[in-house]
Protein backbone atom coordinates (compact mmCIF):
# COMPACT_ATOMS: atom_id res chain seq x y z
CA MET A 1 234.74 82.75 113.85
CA LYS A 2 231.12 81.61 113.71
CA LYS A 3 228.74 84.17 112.30
CA GLU A 4 225.71 84.97 114.43
CA SER A 5 222.26 84.23 113.02
CA ILE A 6 219.71 87.02 112.61
CA THR A 7 217.72 85.52 115.49
CA ASP A 8 220.72 85.57 117.83
CA THR A 9 221.55 89.14 116.82
CA VAL A 10 217.99 90.34 117.39
CA VAL A 11 217.80 88.55 120.75
CA LYS A 12 221.09 90.08 121.92
CA ASN A 13 220.15 93.52 120.65
CA THR A 14 216.75 93.28 122.31
CA ALA A 15 218.42 92.36 125.60
CA TYR A 16 220.89 95.24 125.36
CA ASN A 17 218.13 97.62 124.28
CA LEU A 18 216.03 96.51 127.21
CA ALA A 19 218.97 97.09 129.55
CA ALA A 20 219.60 100.53 128.02
CA THR A 21 215.92 101.38 128.30
CA ILE A 22 215.78 100.29 131.94
CA LEU A 23 218.90 102.32 132.69
CA ASN A 24 217.40 105.32 130.89
CA ARG A 25 214.11 105.12 132.80
CA ILE A 26 215.78 104.55 136.16
CA GLY A 27 218.25 107.38 135.47
CA THR A 28 215.47 109.66 134.24
CA LEU A 29 213.37 108.83 137.27
CA VAL A 30 216.22 109.57 139.69
CA PHE A 31 217.12 112.75 137.79
CA THR A 32 213.46 113.85 137.79
CA ILE A 33 213.10 113.11 141.50
CA VAL A 34 216.20 115.14 142.32
CA ILE A 35 215.27 118.21 140.29
CA ALA A 36 211.53 118.05 141.06
CA ARG A 37 212.11 117.91 144.80
CA ILE A 38 214.75 120.65 144.79
CA LEU A 39 213.11 122.97 142.26
CA LEU A 40 209.56 122.50 143.65
CA PRO A 41 206.50 122.81 141.36
CA GLU A 42 206.95 126.37 140.06
CA ALA A 43 210.63 126.10 139.04
CA PHE A 44 210.02 122.53 137.85
CA GLY A 45 207.30 123.90 135.58
CA LEU A 46 209.67 126.57 134.23
CA TYR A 47 212.30 123.90 133.53
CA ASN A 48 209.78 121.80 131.60
CA LEU A 49 208.66 124.78 129.51
CA THR A 50 212.32 125.42 128.66
CA ILE A 51 213.14 121.83 127.74
CA SER A 52 209.91 121.51 125.71
CA ILE A 53 210.87 124.44 123.47
CA ALA A 54 214.37 123.01 123.02
CA LEU A 55 213.05 119.56 122.09
CA ILE A 56 210.58 120.97 119.57
CA LEU A 57 213.41 122.78 117.78
CA LEU A 58 215.59 119.68 118.14
CA THR A 59 213.02 117.80 116.07
CA VAL A 60 213.24 120.47 113.39
CA GLY A 61 217.00 119.85 113.31
CA GLU A 62 216.53 116.08 113.41
CA PHE A 63 214.37 116.17 110.24
CA GLY A 64 213.82 112.42 110.34
CA ILE A 65 217.53 111.86 109.81
CA ASN A 66 218.08 109.46 112.73
CA SER A 67 215.42 106.99 111.59
CA SER A 68 216.61 107.29 107.96
CA LEU A 69 220.14 106.60 109.17
CA ILE A 70 219.09 103.38 110.87
CA THR A 71 217.07 102.20 107.86
CA TYR A 72 219.61 102.98 105.11
CA ILE A 73 222.76 102.00 107.00
CA SER A 74 221.35 98.74 108.39
CA ASN A 75 219.87 97.76 105.00
CA ASN A 76 223.18 98.31 103.16
CA LEU A 77 225.22 96.54 105.81
CA ALA A 78 222.76 93.61 105.67
CA LYS A 79 223.49 93.46 101.91
CA ASN A 80 227.24 93.45 102.70
CA ASN A 81 227.73 96.87 101.11
CA PRO A 82 229.70 98.91 103.69
CA ARG A 83 230.99 101.41 101.10
CA LYS A 84 227.48 102.44 100.18
CA ALA A 85 226.59 102.63 103.87
CA ALA A 86 229.58 104.94 104.34
CA ALA A 87 228.36 107.15 101.49
CA TYR A 88 224.93 107.48 103.10
CA LEU A 89 226.52 108.23 106.48
CA TYR A 90 228.70 110.99 105.02
CA TYR A 91 225.72 112.69 103.37
CA LEU A 92 223.37 112.35 106.35
CA ARG A 93 226.03 113.61 108.76
CA LYS A 94 226.52 116.79 106.73
CA LEU A 95 222.78 117.33 106.56
CA LYS A 96 222.39 116.71 110.29
CA PHE A 97 225.14 119.18 111.24
CA LEU A 98 223.64 121.90 109.03
CA LEU A 99 220.11 121.48 110.35
CA ILE A 100 221.01 121.14 114.04
CA SER A 101 223.26 124.22 113.85
CA SER A 102 220.44 126.21 112.25
CA SER A 103 217.98 125.11 114.95
CA SER A 104 220.41 126.11 117.69
CA VAL A 105 220.93 129.58 116.20
CA LEU A 106 217.18 129.94 115.74
CA LEU A 107 216.58 129.23 119.43
CA ILE A 108 219.13 131.87 120.41
CA GLY A 109 217.20 134.42 118.38
CA LEU A 110 213.79 133.32 119.68
CA SER A 111 214.66 133.02 123.38
CA TYR A 112 213.71 136.57 124.35
CA PRO A 113 210.34 136.80 122.53
CA ILE A 114 209.34 133.29 123.68
CA ALA A 115 210.12 134.06 127.31
CA ASN A 116 208.53 137.52 127.39
CA PHE A 117 205.75 137.55 124.82
CA VAL A 118 204.63 133.91 124.42
CA PHE A 119 204.81 132.61 128.00
CA HIS A 120 205.08 135.98 129.80
CA LYS A 121 207.70 134.35 132.03
CA PRO A 122 210.95 136.34 131.64
CA GLN A 123 212.72 134.07 134.13
CA ILE A 124 213.12 131.40 131.43
CA PHE A 125 215.08 133.69 129.07
CA LEU A 126 218.51 132.63 130.35
CA PRO A 127 217.61 128.90 130.51
CA LEU A 128 216.38 129.11 126.90
CA LEU A 129 219.68 130.66 125.79
CA ILE A 130 221.62 127.88 127.51
CA SER A 131 219.29 125.25 126.05
CA SER A 132 220.30 126.33 122.53
CA PHE A 133 223.72 124.78 123.21
CA TYR A 134 222.05 121.71 124.71
CA LEU A 135 220.00 121.40 121.53
CA PHE A 136 223.16 121.28 119.40
CA VAL A 137 224.98 118.71 121.55
CA ILE A 138 222.01 116.41 122.12
CA GLY A 139 221.24 116.56 118.39
CA LEU A 140 224.68 115.20 117.53
CA ASP A 141 224.53 112.68 120.36
CA SER A 142 221.19 111.29 119.13
CA PHE A 143 222.67 110.94 115.62
CA TYR A 144 225.57 108.80 116.80
CA SER A 145 223.30 106.80 119.11
CA ALA A 146 221.11 105.98 116.10
CA LEU A 147 224.25 104.96 114.23
CA LEU A 148 225.11 102.48 116.99
CA PHE A 149 221.69 100.87 116.42
CA ALA A 150 222.24 100.87 112.66
CA VAL A 151 225.54 98.95 112.88
CA ASP A 152 224.15 96.47 115.42
CA LYS A 153 226.35 97.79 118.27
CA VAL A 154 223.43 98.12 120.65
CA LYS A 155 225.49 97.07 123.66
CA TYR A 156 227.44 100.32 123.36
CA VAL A 157 224.16 102.23 123.56
CA CYS A 158 223.74 100.48 126.90
CA TYR A 159 227.24 101.50 128.01
CA LYS A 160 226.68 105.07 126.84
CA GLU A 161 223.44 105.21 128.80
CA ILE A 162 225.29 104.33 132.00
CA VAL A 163 227.82 107.10 131.35
CA TYR A 164 225.14 109.69 130.51
CA GLN A 165 222.83 108.95 133.43
CA LEU A 166 225.61 108.96 136.01
CA ALA A 167 227.06 112.15 134.52
CA ARG A 168 223.85 114.18 134.45
CA ILE A 169 222.78 113.14 137.96
CA GLY A 170 226.25 113.87 139.31
CA PHE A 171 226.57 117.19 137.50
CA VAL A 172 223.15 118.46 138.57
CA ILE A 173 223.83 117.68 142.25
CA VAL A 174 227.22 119.43 142.13
CA ILE A 175 225.77 122.44 140.29
CA PHE A 176 222.91 122.78 142.79
CA LEU A 177 225.51 122.91 145.57
CA LEU A 178 227.56 125.60 143.81
CA ILE A 179 225.03 128.10 142.41
CA ALA A 180 222.32 130.33 143.85
CA LYS A 181 218.72 129.10 143.92
CA THR A 182 217.70 131.78 141.39
CA PHE A 183 219.79 130.04 138.72
CA TYR A 184 218.72 126.46 139.46
CA VAL A 185 216.80 126.03 136.17
CA SER A 186 219.81 127.28 134.18
CA GLY A 187 221.98 124.94 136.24
CA VAL A 188 219.87 121.94 135.21
CA MET A 189 220.35 122.84 131.53
CA LEU A 190 224.10 123.22 132.06
CA SER A 191 224.31 119.77 133.67
CA LEU A 192 222.49 118.27 130.67
CA ILE A 193 224.98 119.89 128.27
CA LEU A 194 228.01 118.56 130.14
CA ALA A 195 226.59 115.03 130.38
CA SER A 196 225.63 115.02 126.68
CA VAL A 197 229.14 116.10 125.63
CA ILE A 198 230.66 113.19 127.56
CA ALA A 199 228.15 110.72 126.08
CA LEU A 200 228.80 112.04 122.55
CA ILE A 201 232.57 111.58 122.91
CA PHE A 202 232.14 107.99 124.08
CA SER A 203 229.77 107.19 121.16
CA ILE A 204 232.19 108.51 118.54
CA ILE A 205 235.17 106.65 120.04
CA TRP A 206 233.27 103.34 120.17
CA LEU A 207 231.94 103.69 116.64
CA LYS A 208 235.34 104.45 115.13
CA ASN A 209 236.86 101.48 116.95
CA LYS A 210 234.08 98.95 116.33
CA ALA A 211 232.74 99.98 112.91
CA PRO A 212 235.59 101.85 111.15
CA GLU A 213 234.45 100.74 107.68
CA ILE A 214 231.47 103.08 107.65
CA PHE A 215 233.72 106.10 108.25
CA GLU A 216 235.87 105.44 105.21
CA LYS A 217 235.53 107.90 102.32
CA SER A 218 233.30 106.58 99.58
CA LYS A 219 232.52 108.06 96.17
CA ILE A 220 229.67 105.66 95.49
CA LYS A 221 226.60 107.48 94.25
CA ILE A 222 223.54 107.30 96.45
CA ASP A 223 219.89 107.94 95.79
CA LYS A 224 219.72 111.41 97.35
CA LYS A 225 216.29 112.12 95.92
CA GLY A 226 214.81 108.94 97.34
CA LEU A 227 216.59 109.48 100.64
CA LEU A 228 215.32 113.05 100.99
CA LYS A 229 211.80 111.97 100.11
CA PHE A 230 211.95 109.21 102.73
CA THR A 231 213.51 111.59 105.27
CA GLY A 232 210.97 114.30 104.47
CA TYR A 233 208.04 112.08 105.38
CA LEU A 234 209.80 111.10 108.59
CA ALA A 235 210.50 114.78 109.33
CA ILE A 236 206.80 115.59 109.04
CA ALA A 237 205.97 112.63 111.24
CA ASN A 238 208.64 113.47 113.84
CA LEU A 239 207.61 117.12 113.98
CA SER A 240 204.03 116.02 114.48
CA VAL A 241 205.18 113.61 117.19
CA ILE A 242 207.00 116.34 119.08
CA PHE A 243 204.03 118.69 118.87
CA PHE A 244 201.92 115.73 119.89
CA SER A 245 204.13 115.29 122.95
CA TYR A 246 204.60 118.91 123.97
CA VAL A 247 201.63 120.94 122.73
CA ASP A 248 199.87 120.26 126.02
CA ILE A 249 202.65 121.63 128.23
CA ILE A 250 203.17 124.59 125.87
CA MET A 251 199.48 125.55 125.96
CA ILE A 252 199.39 125.12 129.73
CA GLY A 253 202.35 127.49 129.96
CA ILE A 254 200.61 130.03 127.71
CA PHE A 255 197.14 130.00 129.31
CA ILE A 256 197.95 129.37 133.00
CA PRO A 257 200.08 132.11 134.61
CA ASP A 258 201.08 129.92 137.57
CA ALA A 259 204.01 127.79 136.35
CA SER A 260 203.36 125.29 139.17
CA TYR A 261 200.57 123.72 137.12
CA ALA A 262 202.97 123.04 134.28
CA GLY A 263 205.07 121.27 136.93
CA PHE A 264 202.09 119.22 138.16
CA TYR A 265 201.17 118.19 134.63
CA ARG A 266 204.70 117.25 133.68
CA ALA A 267 205.08 115.22 136.89
CA ALA A 268 202.06 113.13 135.84
CA SER A 269 203.02 112.80 132.17
CA SER A 270 206.66 111.99 132.96
CA LEU A 271 205.55 109.10 135.15
CA ALA A 272 203.36 107.66 132.37
CA ILE A 273 205.95 108.29 129.65
CA SER A 274 208.74 106.69 131.70
CA ILE A 275 206.74 103.48 132.11
CA ALA A 276 205.71 103.51 128.44
CA GLY A 277 209.34 103.98 127.41
CA LEU A 278 210.35 101.03 129.54
CA LEU A 279 207.93 98.83 127.60
CA SER A 280 208.75 100.15 124.09
CA PHE A 281 211.41 98.75 121.78
CA ALA A 282 211.03 100.98 118.71
CA TYR A 283 214.72 101.51 117.94
CA VAL A 284 215.70 97.85 118.14
CA LEU A 285 212.63 96.82 116.13
CA LEU A 286 213.49 99.11 113.23
CA PRO A 287 216.49 97.15 111.90
CA ALA A 288 214.87 93.87 112.99
CA PHE A 289 211.67 94.45 111.00
CA SER A 290 213.80 95.47 107.98
CA LYS A 291 215.03 91.87 107.82
CA VAL A 292 211.64 90.16 108.25
CA THR A 293 210.09 88.79 105.06
CA LYS A 294 206.59 89.78 103.99
CA GLU A 295 205.26 86.28 104.69
CA ARG A 296 206.47 86.36 108.30
CA LEU A 297 205.59 90.00 109.02
CA ASP A 298 202.04 89.44 110.30
CA SER A 299 203.15 86.65 112.64
CA SER A 300 206.11 88.67 113.94
CA PHE A 301 203.90 91.72 114.45
CA ASN A 302 201.32 89.85 116.53
CA LYS A 303 203.98 88.22 118.69
CA VAL A 304 205.52 91.61 119.48
CA ILE A 305 202.10 93.13 120.19
CA LYS A 306 201.17 90.20 122.43
CA TYR A 307 204.23 90.50 124.65
CA THR A 308 203.99 94.30 124.67
CA VAL A 309 200.37 94.59 125.84
CA VAL A 310 200.77 91.79 128.39
CA PHE A 311 202.76 94.36 130.37
CA SER A 312 201.46 97.73 129.14
CA ILE A 313 197.75 97.12 129.86
CA PRO A 314 198.17 96.16 133.55
CA ALA A 315 200.76 98.92 133.93
CA SER A 316 198.16 101.47 132.80
CA PHE A 317 195.48 100.17 135.16
CA GLY A 318 197.91 99.88 138.05
CA LEU A 319 199.25 103.40 137.59
CA ALA A 320 195.75 104.87 137.35
CA PHE A 321 194.68 103.10 140.55
CA LEU A 322 197.83 103.67 142.61
CA GLY A 323 198.96 106.91 140.94
CA ASN A 324 198.55 109.16 143.95
CA TYR A 325 200.80 106.90 146.02
CA PHE A 326 203.45 106.88 143.29
CA ILE A 327 203.34 110.68 143.02
CA ARG A 328 203.60 111.12 146.76
CA ALA A 329 206.52 108.69 147.02
CA ILE A 330 208.42 109.97 143.97
CA TYR A 331 207.81 113.72 143.92
CA GLY A 332 206.53 114.54 147.40
CA TYR A 333 203.28 115.86 148.82
CA GLU A 334 203.69 119.18 146.96
CA TYR A 335 202.89 117.37 143.69
CA LEU A 336 199.68 115.57 144.74
CA PRO A 337 197.53 117.79 142.42
CA ALA A 338 199.14 115.78 139.58
CA THR A 339 196.91 112.82 140.54
CA LEU A 340 193.82 114.02 138.64
CA PRO A 341 195.46 114.34 135.18
CA LEU A 342 197.34 111.09 135.84
CA TYR A 343 194.05 109.15 135.76
CA PHE A 344 193.84 109.87 132.02
CA LEU A 345 197.55 109.94 131.17
CA SER A 346 198.05 106.47 132.65
CA PHE A 347 196.28 104.90 129.68
CA VAL A 348 198.65 106.58 127.24
CA ILE A 349 201.06 103.76 128.19
CA ILE A 350 199.05 101.25 126.12
CA GLU A 351 198.82 103.56 123.12
CA THR A 352 202.50 104.53 123.19
CA THR A 353 203.80 100.95 123.25
CA MET A 354 201.48 99.78 120.46
CA THR A 355 202.14 102.87 118.33
CA ALA A 356 205.89 102.21 118.58
CA VAL A 357 205.38 98.79 117.00
CA TYR A 358 203.18 100.07 114.17
CA SER A 359 205.41 103.03 113.30
CA SER A 360 208.54 100.83 113.41
CA ILE A 361 207.04 98.41 110.89
CA LEU A 362 205.84 101.15 108.54
CA THR A 363 209.21 102.89 108.68
CA SER A 364 211.22 99.70 108.13
CA LYS A 365 209.08 98.83 105.11
CA GLY A 366 209.63 102.25 103.53
CA LYS A 367 206.12 103.59 104.17
CA PRO A 368 206.62 106.57 106.52
CA ALA A 369 204.17 108.66 104.46
CA LEU A 370 201.30 106.53 105.75
CA PHE A 371 201.75 107.24 109.44
CA ALA A 372 202.96 110.80 108.77
CA LYS A 373 199.56 111.74 107.32
CA ILE A 374 197.63 110.21 110.21
CA LEU A 375 199.95 111.86 112.71
CA ILE A 376 199.29 115.28 111.17
CA TYR A 377 195.53 114.78 111.62
CA ALA A 378 196.02 113.51 115.16
CA THR A 379 198.25 116.49 116.01
CA LEU A 380 195.67 118.96 114.70
CA ILE A 381 192.98 117.21 116.76
CA ASN A 382 195.29 117.38 119.78
CA ILE A 383 195.87 121.13 119.35
CA VAL A 384 192.16 121.87 118.91
CA LEU A 385 191.12 119.69 121.86
CA ASN A 386 193.81 121.19 124.10
CA PHE A 387 192.68 124.70 123.19
CA ILE A 388 188.99 123.94 123.82
CA LEU A 389 189.37 121.85 126.97
CA ILE A 390 192.04 123.94 128.70
CA LEU A 391 190.14 127.20 128.18
CA SER A 392 186.76 125.65 129.04
CA LEU A 393 187.90 123.90 132.21
CA LEU A 394 190.03 126.87 133.26
CA ARG A 395 186.74 128.46 134.29
CA ILE A 396 186.44 125.78 136.96
CA SER A 397 190.04 125.75 138.19
CA ASN A 398 193.68 125.54 137.11
CA LEU A 399 193.71 121.89 138.15
CA TRP A 400 190.79 121.03 135.88
CA ALA A 401 192.49 122.96 133.06
CA ILE A 402 195.54 120.67 133.14
CA THR A 403 193.18 117.69 133.40
CA GLY A 404 191.57 118.97 130.19
CA ALA A 405 195.01 118.82 128.57
CA ALA A 406 195.33 115.21 129.76
CA ILE A 407 191.94 114.30 128.26
CA ALA A 408 192.92 115.96 124.95
CA THR A 409 196.17 113.98 124.88
CA PHE A 410 194.35 110.72 125.66
CA LEU A 411 191.72 111.15 122.91
CA SER A 412 194.09 112.32 120.17
CA ARG A 413 196.65 109.60 120.87
CA TYR A 414 194.07 106.84 120.56
CA PHE A 415 192.83 108.40 117.32
CA TYR A 416 196.42 108.05 116.09
CA LEU A 417 196.67 104.41 117.22
CA PHE A 418 193.43 103.38 115.51
CA GLY A 419 194.51 105.21 112.36
CA LEU A 420 197.83 103.35 112.32
CA ALA A 421 196.06 100.03 112.78
CA ARG A 422 193.81 100.79 109.82
CA VAL A 423 196.56 101.78 107.36
CA SER A 424 198.83 98.92 108.49
CA LYS A 425 196.08 96.43 107.77
CA LYS A 426 195.35 97.99 104.38
CA SER A 427 198.95 98.42 103.16
CA LEU A 428 200.82 95.54 104.82
CA GLY A 429 198.03 93.10 105.62
CA LEU A 430 198.66 93.34 109.37
CA LYS A 431 195.63 92.09 111.23
CA LEU A 432 195.63 92.52 115.00
CA GLU A 433 194.54 89.36 116.78
CA ARG A 434 191.88 90.58 119.22
CA PRO A 435 192.47 87.96 121.96
CA ASN A 436 195.97 89.44 122.37
CA ILE A 437 194.28 92.64 123.60
CA LEU A 438 191.08 91.33 125.23
CA LYS A 439 192.71 88.76 127.51
CA PRO A 440 195.22 91.16 129.19
CA LEU A 441 192.37 93.69 129.44
CA THR A 442 190.15 91.16 131.22
CA ALA A 443 192.94 90.15 133.61
CA SER A 444 193.69 93.82 134.32
CA LEU A 445 190.05 94.53 135.21
CA VAL A 446 190.02 91.59 137.63
CA MET A 447 193.29 92.85 139.13
CA THR A 448 191.78 96.32 139.58
CA PHE A 449 188.71 94.98 141.42
CA VAL A 450 190.97 92.97 143.72
CA LEU A 451 193.06 96.06 144.43
CA ILE A 452 189.89 98.06 145.20
CA GLY A 453 188.94 95.40 147.76
CA PHE A 454 192.47 95.45 149.22
CA LYS A 455 192.34 99.24 149.51
CA LEU A 456 188.97 99.10 151.31
CA ILE A 457 190.38 96.62 153.81
CA VAL A 458 193.66 98.46 154.45
CA LYS A 459 192.12 102.00 154.27
CA ASP A 460 195.25 103.95 155.26
CA MET A 461 197.94 102.71 152.89
CA ASN A 462 201.62 103.19 153.67
CA LEU A 463 204.82 102.07 151.94
CA ILE A 464 204.63 98.48 153.23
CA SER A 465 200.94 97.98 152.42
CA GLY A 466 201.49 99.66 149.05
CA ILE A 467 204.23 97.17 148.14
CA ILE A 468 202.02 94.30 149.29
CA GLY A 469 199.18 95.67 147.15
CA VAL A 470 201.41 95.83 144.08
CA LEU A 471 202.60 92.25 144.62
CA ILE A 472 199.01 91.03 145.06
CA GLY A 473 198.02 92.84 141.86
CA ILE A 474 200.86 91.22 139.90
CA ILE A 475 200.06 87.72 141.19
CA VAL A 476 196.31 88.08 140.49
CA TYR A 477 196.92 89.50 137.01
CA PHE A 478 199.24 86.74 135.80
CA ALA A 479 197.16 84.02 137.47
CA VAL A 480 194.00 85.19 135.69
CA LEU A 481 195.89 85.70 132.42
CA PHE A 482 197.20 82.12 132.64
CA LEU A 483 193.76 80.70 133.42
CA ILE A 484 192.13 82.41 130.43
CA LYS A 485 195.07 81.29 128.23
CA GLY A 486 196.41 84.78 127.64
CA ILE A 487 199.83 83.28 128.33
CA SER A 488 200.91 79.65 128.25
CA ARG A 489 203.73 77.39 129.38
CA GLU A 490 205.30 77.90 125.95
CA ASP A 491 205.58 81.62 126.67
CA PHE A 492 207.39 80.93 129.92
CA LYS A 493 209.70 78.48 128.11
CA LEU A 494 210.44 81.15 125.49
CA VAL A 495 211.33 83.72 128.14
CA ASN A 496 213.48 81.16 129.93
CA SER A 497 215.33 80.29 126.70
CA LEU A 498 215.94 83.97 125.97
CA LEU A 499 217.36 84.52 129.44
CA LYS A 500 219.78 81.61 128.90
CA ARG A 501 221.18 83.03 125.64
C-alpha cells in the first residue's frame, strides 16, 4: 500500500477539518437560532452566563492537556515511535481525568454562591448544577477529539461533528416540547450533556478501531518534567484565553441586573466568533507545523496568513456593515440592540484567525511560554478595560455598557495579536509580508463603499435585496483584489488542484 506524503496528509486533513468546522458553525448557528428564539433575550442571557462559568472551569480542568496531547503524540508517531506515544497518552489521560473531575466537583460546590452572590440571579442555580456534569463529559470528549487530530484521523472528527450537532439540536427540540418554560435553560444544558455523551462514545470506538497501537500498555519512560512544564505554560495561556473570551459576559452579568443585555451581547459575539471559527484552522495546523522545517517555516506562515486574511478581512467589514440584517434574520427583531456592539466585535474576526496561526506555530515549535506571557498581559488589559468602560458607559444606558465591553474586547485582542507578531518575529524569524494584509484591506474598503452606495439606492432592504447586496460585495471584493494582485491565477490553480485531490 502506497504511503501518503506529508503534503497529501495535510491537504486531506485540512479538507476534513474545514468540513468539520463548517458543520460545527452551521450546527452551532442552527442550535443558537433555536434556543435564542425560544428562550428570548433574558433566558438566553441566563443560559450564556451558565455556559460561560462552565467553560471557564472546563479550561481549569483542561490545563493545556489537549494541545500537549496533539504535540507529543503526533511528534512521536511521526518518529515511528507508537510505544512512546502510548506512554504519553496513558499519563495525560490520567491527568485529564483527575483535573476534569476536580473541576466538576468544584462547580457543584460553587453553584449556589455564584448564582446568588456573584450574579444575584438565583434562577441559574439549577442550570449551574447540571452544567457541572456537562463540564465533565465535554472535558473527556475534547480530549478524545484532540487525540483524533494527533493520530491524523481528522475525518472522524468530521463524522463526530455530524453526530454531535444532530444530537444536540434534536435533543433540545424534544426537551423544549416536554418540559415547562421555567426549566428551559436547564433543559438546554441537559441536551448538551446527552449529545456530548453520544459524541464521546463514537470517538472512543473509532480511536480503538483505527489507532489501537496507542492504547497498548507501555512501560517506556517519558519526560514528565518537560511535559508538565510544556503543559503548564499552555494551561496559563488557555486559562487566559478563556478569561479573554468570557470576562466580558461575566462582567455584564455582574454589573447589569437585566439578563437580556447579556443575551444581546452574546448574540453579537456569537455571530462574530462563529465566522472567525469558520476561517480558523488551529487544530489542523498544530501537527502540520510540527513537521515543517525551520527553513520553510516563514514561507509556510505567510502562505497561511495570506489565504486566511483574504477571507477574514472582508468578512469583518461585511458583518459590520450588514450586521443588523444578519441579527434580524438569525435571532429576530427582539435582538436588534445587539447591532451596536457588533460594529466593534465584527473586527475580532481578523484578529482571531491571525492569532490562531501565530499560537499554532509557537505551540508546535515548543514555545508556548512566549504567547502565554503576552496573553496574561492582554487578559489583564481586557479585565481593566471592561471594568472601566462598562461602569462608565452604564451611566448612559445598558446598551452602551455592553458596547463598552465590545470596545474593551476589540482593543485587548489586537494588543494580543501585535504582541504575538513581535515575539514570533524575534524568536522564530517570522516576518509578516505587509502586502498580504494591505491588499485585502484595500479591496474590503472599496467593497464597503460600493455597499454603501447600494444601500442608498435600495433604501429599504429585504431578504432578496440583502442577498443581492452580499453577492455584489463578493464580486467587487475579488475583482479589486485580483486587479491589485492580491490574488493571482496561480492561487486559483492551487485551489482547483486542492479540490481535485
